[in-house]
N, C-alpha and C. Protein backbone atom coordinates (compact mmCIF):
# COMPACT_ATOMS: atom_id res chain seq x y z
N MET A 1 -15.45 -17.22 -16.48
CA MET A 1 -14.88 -16.17 -16.98
C MET A 1 -13.55 -15.72 -16.11
N SER A 2 -12.68 -15.32 -16.74
CA SER A 2 -11.12 -15.19 -16.05
C SER A 2 -11.24 -13.81 -15.37
N THR A 3 -10.23 -13.81 -14.50
CA THR A 3 -10.13 -12.28 -13.91
C THR A 3 -9.60 -11.35 -15.03
N ASP A 4 -8.89 -11.63 -16.01
CA ASP A 4 -8.25 -10.95 -17.02
C ASP A 4 -9.66 -10.38 -17.81
N GLU A 5 -10.50 -11.36 -18.32
CA GLU A 5 -11.72 -11.09 -18.85
C GLU A 5 -12.49 -10.12 -18.45
N ILE A 6 -12.77 -10.25 -16.89
CA ILE A 6 -13.61 -9.26 -16.14
C ILE A 6 -12.62 -7.90 -16.20
N LEU A 7 -11.62 -7.78 -16.20
CA LEU A 7 -10.86 -6.36 -15.95
C LEU A 7 -10.93 -5.72 -17.34
N SER A 8 -10.80 -6.54 -18.38
CA SER A 8 -10.91 -6.11 -19.86
C SER A 8 -12.26 -5.57 -20.00
N ILE A 9 -13.45 -6.26 -19.69
CA ILE A 9 -14.90 -5.79 -19.68
C ILE A 9 -14.95 -4.44 -18.91
N ILE A 10 -14.37 -4.20 -17.65
CA ILE A 10 -14.42 -3.19 -17.02
C ILE A 10 -13.92 -1.93 -17.68
N LYS A 11 -12.51 -2.19 -18.18
CA LYS A 11 -11.77 -1.24 -18.84
C LYS A 11 -12.53 -0.77 -20.01
N ALA A 12 -13.08 -1.54 -20.90
CA ALA A 12 -13.91 -1.16 -22.02
C ALA A 12 -14.97 -0.34 -21.67
N CYS A 13 -15.72 -0.73 -20.67
CA CYS A 13 -17.00 -0.10 -20.25
C CYS A 13 -16.50 1.22 -19.70
N ASN A 14 -15.55 1.59 -19.11
CA ASN A 14 -15.09 2.84 -18.57
C ASN A 14 -14.82 3.61 -19.76
N GLU A 15 -13.97 3.03 -20.81
CA GLU A 15 -13.66 3.97 -22.01
C GLU A 15 -14.87 4.29 -22.59
N SER A 16 -15.83 3.63 -22.74
CA SER A 16 -17.08 3.56 -23.56
C SER A 16 -18.16 4.34 -23.01
N ASN A 17 -18.00 4.90 -21.51
CA ASN A 17 -18.85 5.55 -21.12
C ASN A 17 -20.30 4.65 -20.55
N VAL A 18 -20.31 3.33 -20.54
CA VAL A 18 -21.25 2.36 -20.29
C VAL A 18 -21.74 2.63 -18.72
N GLU A 19 -23.24 2.82 -18.66
CA GLU A 19 -23.56 2.87 -17.34
C GLU A 19 -23.99 1.60 -16.57
N GLU A 20 -24.35 0.65 -17.43
CA GLU A 20 -24.69 -0.71 -16.79
C GLU A 20 -24.27 -1.82 -17.68
N PHE A 21 -23.80 -2.97 -17.14
CA PHE A 21 -23.36 -4.21 -18.07
C PHE A 21 -24.02 -5.58 -17.33
N ASN A 22 -24.60 -5.99 -17.87
CA ASN A 22 -24.94 -7.34 -17.48
C ASN A 22 -24.74 -8.45 -18.35
N PHE A 23 -23.91 -9.64 -17.84
CA PHE A 23 -23.69 -10.77 -18.76
C PHE A 23 -23.51 -11.78 -17.82
N LYS A 24 -24.65 -12.80 -17.85
CA LYS A 24 -25.10 -14.03 -17.05
C LYS A 24 -25.06 -13.67 -15.68
N THR A 25 -24.39 -14.04 -14.81
CA THR A 25 -24.34 -13.60 -13.21
C THR A 25 -23.54 -12.33 -13.05
N LEU A 26 -22.88 -11.85 -13.98
CA LEU A 26 -22.05 -10.63 -13.79
C LEU A 26 -23.06 -9.32 -14.15
N LYS A 27 -23.05 -8.39 -12.95
CA LYS A 27 -23.83 -7.19 -13.13
C LYS A 27 -22.86 -6.09 -12.68
N LEU A 28 -22.63 -5.23 -13.65
CA LEU A 28 -21.75 -4.09 -13.26
C LEU A 28 -22.52 -2.75 -13.65
N LYS A 29 -22.59 -1.78 -12.42
CA LYS A 29 -23.27 -0.71 -12.70
C LYS A 29 -22.12 0.40 -12.66
N PHE A 30 -22.04 1.34 -13.31
CA PHE A 30 -21.10 2.34 -13.39
C PHE A 30 -21.74 3.83 -13.15
N HIS A 31 -21.50 4.46 -12.29
CA HIS A 31 -21.85 6.00 -11.90
C HIS A 31 -21.10 6.80 -13.13
N SER A 32 -21.77 7.63 -13.64
CA SER A 32 -21.22 8.46 -14.73
C SER A 32 -19.87 9.28 -14.17
N ARG A 33 -19.84 9.93 -12.94
CA ARG A 33 -18.69 10.42 -12.20
C ARG A 33 -17.57 9.50 -12.00
N ARG A 34 -17.49 8.33 -12.10
CA ARG A 34 -16.52 7.45 -11.76
C ARG A 34 -16.06 7.06 -12.95
N ASN A 35 -16.50 7.26 -14.17
CA ASN A 35 -15.74 7.05 -15.37
C ASN A 35 -14.67 8.21 -15.78
N GLU A 36 -14.62 9.09 -15.02
CA GLU A 36 -13.43 10.28 -15.16
C GLU A 36 -12.64 9.98 -14.04
N ASN A 37 -11.54 10.66 -14.31
CA ASN A 37 -10.23 10.42 -13.31
C ASN A 37 -10.77 11.45 -12.16
N ALA A 38 -10.34 10.99 -10.96
CA ALA A 38 -10.56 11.77 -9.79
C ALA A 38 -9.69 12.98 -9.75
N VAL A 39 -10.20 13.89 -9.55
CA VAL A 39 -9.33 15.21 -9.40
C VAL A 39 -9.43 15.81 -7.96
N SER A 40 -10.36 15.12 -7.01
CA SER A 40 -10.60 15.64 -5.79
C SER A 40 -10.90 14.29 -4.87
N LEU A 41 -10.62 14.72 -3.51
CA LEU A 41 -10.83 13.64 -2.52
C LEU A 41 -12.23 13.24 -2.54
N GLY A 42 -12.65 12.07 -2.81
CA GLY A 42 -14.06 11.69 -2.68
C GLY A 42 -14.77 11.78 -3.75
N GLN A 43 -14.12 12.05 -5.04
CA GLN A 43 -15.05 12.28 -6.18
C GLN A 43 -15.35 10.93 -6.74
N GLY A 44 -14.88 9.78 -6.39
CA GLY A 44 -15.40 8.54 -6.78
C GLY A 44 -16.34 7.71 -5.97
N THR A 45 -16.82 8.41 -4.91
CA THR A 45 -17.81 7.68 -3.97
C THR A 45 -18.94 8.62 -3.94
N ASP A 46 -20.20 7.85 -3.54
CA ASP A 46 -21.35 8.75 -3.20
C ASP A 46 -21.25 9.24 -1.84
N GLN A 47 -20.62 8.98 -0.76
CA GLN A 47 -20.54 9.35 0.41
C GLN A 47 -19.91 10.71 0.44
N ASP A 48 -20.44 11.51 1.42
CA ASP A 48 -19.94 12.69 1.71
C ASP A 48 -18.45 12.79 2.47
N VAL A 49 -17.52 13.40 2.00
CA VAL A 49 -16.23 13.10 2.52
C VAL A 49 -15.99 14.42 3.46
N LYS A 50 -15.40 14.21 4.52
CA LYS A 50 -15.19 14.95 5.59
C LYS A 50 -13.47 14.80 5.78
N ASN A 51 -13.03 16.14 5.95
CA ASN A 51 -11.44 16.38 6.13
C ASN A 51 -11.40 16.48 7.62
N PRO A 52 -11.20 15.21 8.55
CA PRO A 52 -11.23 15.56 9.80
C PRO A 52 -9.68 16.09 10.24
N GLN A 53 -9.83 16.69 11.25
CA GLN A 53 -8.54 17.44 11.74
C GLN A 53 -7.96 16.37 12.86
N VAL A 54 -6.81 15.95 12.61
CA VAL A 54 -6.24 15.01 13.45
C VAL A 54 -5.54 15.70 14.53
N SER A 55 -5.61 15.67 15.75
CA SER A 55 -5.07 16.47 16.87
C SER A 55 -3.61 15.93 16.86
N ASP A 56 -2.72 16.62 17.54
CA ASP A 56 -1.50 16.57 17.79
C ASP A 56 -1.37 15.49 18.71
N ASP A 57 -2.18 15.28 19.59
CA ASP A 57 -2.00 14.04 20.53
C ASP A 57 -2.44 12.66 19.93
N LEU A 58 -3.29 12.68 18.94
CA LEU A 58 -3.61 11.49 18.43
C LEU A 58 -2.56 11.17 17.24
N THR A 59 -1.71 12.11 16.74
CA THR A 59 -0.46 11.95 15.84
C THR A 59 0.56 11.35 16.67
N TYR A 60 0.66 11.90 17.91
CA TYR A 60 1.72 11.48 18.69
C TYR A 60 1.65 10.12 19.33
N LYS A 61 0.38 9.59 19.63
CA LYS A 61 -0.08 8.19 20.11
C LYS A 61 0.06 7.31 18.69
N ALA A 62 -0.18 7.70 17.74
CA ALA A 62 -0.04 6.87 16.28
C ALA A 62 1.41 6.59 16.17
N GLU A 63 2.25 7.71 16.31
CA GLU A 63 3.71 7.44 16.23
C GLU A 63 4.30 6.45 17.08
N LEU A 64 3.70 6.73 18.53
CA LEU A 64 4.23 5.82 19.69
C LEU A 64 3.85 4.37 19.09
N MET A 65 2.71 4.12 18.48
CA MET A 65 2.12 2.82 18.35
C MET A 65 3.11 2.34 17.30
N ASP A 66 3.41 3.20 16.26
CA ASP A 66 4.27 2.58 15.23
C ASP A 66 5.62 2.29 15.63
N GLN A 67 6.26 3.08 16.54
CA GLN A 67 7.43 2.77 17.02
C GLN A 67 7.47 1.49 17.87
N THR A 68 6.42 1.45 18.77
CA THR A 68 6.20 -0.02 19.40
C THR A 68 5.94 -1.30 18.70
N ALA A 69 5.24 -1.03 17.59
CA ALA A 69 5.05 -2.22 16.60
C ALA A 69 6.45 -2.46 15.91
N GLN A 70 7.19 -1.44 15.58
CA GLN A 70 8.59 -1.72 14.79
C GLN A 70 9.49 -2.21 16.01
N PHE A 71 9.31 -1.78 17.19
CA PHE A 71 10.33 -2.57 18.05
C PHE A 71 9.95 -4.08 18.37
N GLU A 72 8.74 -4.43 18.45
CA GLU A 72 8.35 -5.75 18.55
C GLU A 72 8.65 -6.50 17.43
N ALA A 73 8.74 -5.84 16.09
CA ALA A 73 9.01 -6.80 15.02
C ALA A 73 10.55 -6.90 14.97
N GLU A 74 11.14 -5.95 15.48
CA GLU A 74 12.41 -6.17 15.43
C GLU A 74 13.15 -7.12 16.42
N GLU A 75 12.38 -7.13 17.60
CA GLU A 75 12.56 -8.04 18.81
C GLU A 75 12.24 -9.55 18.07
N ALA A 76 11.25 -9.73 17.51
CA ALA A 76 10.82 -11.09 17.13
C ALA A 76 11.78 -11.50 15.97
N GLN A 77 12.33 -10.76 15.16
CA GLN A 77 13.27 -11.07 14.12
C GLN A 77 14.73 -11.38 14.83
N LEU A 78 14.93 -10.68 15.83
CA LEU A 78 16.25 -11.01 16.64
C LEU A 78 16.23 -12.36 17.10
N LEU A 79 15.08 -12.60 17.98
CA LEU A 79 14.63 -13.98 18.42
C LEU A 79 15.00 -15.11 17.38
N ILE A 80 14.56 -14.90 16.36
CA ILE A 80 14.67 -15.85 14.94
C ILE A 80 16.11 -15.95 14.57
N ASP A 81 16.80 -14.58 14.44
CA ASP A 81 17.95 -14.70 13.77
C ASP A 81 19.15 -15.09 14.77
N ASP A 82 19.10 -14.46 16.18
CA ASP A 82 20.11 -14.76 16.94
C ASP A 82 19.45 -14.76 18.30
N PRO A 83 19.04 -16.01 18.65
CA PRO A 83 18.38 -16.05 20.10
C PRO A 83 19.25 -15.84 21.34
N MET A 84 20.45 -15.81 21.14
CA MET A 84 21.45 -15.61 22.39
C MET A 84 21.58 -13.94 22.36
N SER A 85 21.51 -13.39 21.41
CA SER A 85 21.35 -11.76 21.61
C SER A 85 20.25 -11.38 21.95
N PHE A 86 19.12 -11.98 21.73
CA PHE A 86 17.76 -11.68 22.07
C PHE A 86 17.63 -11.86 23.56
N GLU A 87 18.08 -13.09 24.14
CA GLU A 87 18.17 -13.16 25.58
C GLU A 87 18.90 -12.07 26.45
N LYS A 88 20.14 -11.72 25.57
CA LYS A 88 20.92 -10.79 26.47
C LYS A 88 20.29 -9.61 26.55
N SER A 89 19.51 -9.19 25.33
CA SER A 89 18.95 -7.76 25.36
C SER A 89 17.94 -7.78 26.46
N GLN A 90 16.98 -8.92 26.57
CA GLN A 90 16.12 -9.03 27.76
C GLN A 90 16.63 -8.94 29.05
N ILE A 91 17.67 -9.63 29.12
CA ILE A 91 18.30 -9.48 30.49
C ILE A 91 18.86 -8.08 30.70
N ASP A 92 19.59 -7.63 29.77
CA ASP A 92 19.86 -5.99 29.95
C ASP A 92 18.82 -5.06 30.25
N ARG A 93 17.58 -5.17 29.41
CA ARG A 93 16.43 -4.39 29.73
C ARG A 93 15.78 -4.42 31.10
N HIS A 94 16.02 -5.70 31.41
CA HIS A 94 15.45 -6.21 33.01
C HIS A 94 16.42 -5.42 34.09
N VAL A 95 17.57 -5.51 33.82
CA VAL A 95 18.55 -4.93 34.64
C VAL A 95 18.23 -3.40 34.71
N GLU A 96 18.23 -2.79 33.50
CA GLU A 96 17.95 -1.29 33.62
C GLU A 96 16.66 -1.04 34.35
N ARG A 97 15.76 -1.73 34.14
CA ARG A 97 14.31 -1.31 34.48
C ARG A 97 14.60 -1.43 36.19
N ASN A 98 15.44 -2.62 36.70
CA ASN A 98 15.34 -2.78 38.03
C ASN A 98 16.60 -2.25 38.94
N ARG A 99 17.47 -1.19 38.18
CA ARG A 99 18.61 -0.56 38.56
C ARG A 99 18.54 -0.01 39.99
N ASP A 100 17.47 0.70 39.96
CA ASP A 100 17.21 1.30 41.31
C ASP A 100 17.07 0.33 42.72
N GLY A 101 16.78 -0.66 42.36
CA GLY A 101 16.84 -1.69 43.57
C GLY A 101 15.32 -2.00 43.89
N SER A 102 14.61 -1.25 43.80
CA SER A 102 13.18 -1.38 44.06
C SER A 102 12.47 -2.70 43.74
N GLN A 103 12.89 -3.49 42.52
CA GLN A 103 12.03 -4.55 42.61
C GLN A 103 13.28 -5.85 42.80
N VAL A 104 14.36 -5.51 43.22
CA VAL A 104 15.22 -6.69 43.44
C VAL A 104 14.96 -7.53 44.47
N HIS A 105 14.64 -8.59 44.57
CA HIS A 105 14.46 -9.72 45.40
C HIS A 105 15.85 -10.10 46.10
N ARG A 106 15.96 -9.65 47.37
CA ARG A 106 17.36 -10.03 48.15
C ARG A 106 16.96 -11.18 49.01
N PRO A 107 17.83 -12.11 49.23
CA PRO A 107 17.58 -13.17 50.33
C PRO A 107 17.82 -12.71 51.72
N GLN A 108 17.03 -13.09 52.64
CA GLN A 108 17.22 -12.58 53.87
C GLN A 108 18.09 -13.55 54.86
């Protein structure tokens, strides 16, 4: 059975309010409330839905993680597109981090 055939069976069952469908090894069971368009969060699930309150701290950390991931992706793309510019940016960043002289090794 092809994917298109399975999808058309599911659609027909949904439109006909079928609760259970069995054909050879394919077994489908539909919950009555799932045959309607969901109007509220969690309507299409049997589990209780909780609306967790996300703290500002977690939101801030998620934004930082997104910024870090985006920066790393941009760095990886720069390495592919322009390796010389990538190396220059790495050197510039290293110089900025060590500008105070605390980590610069000087010959004696």
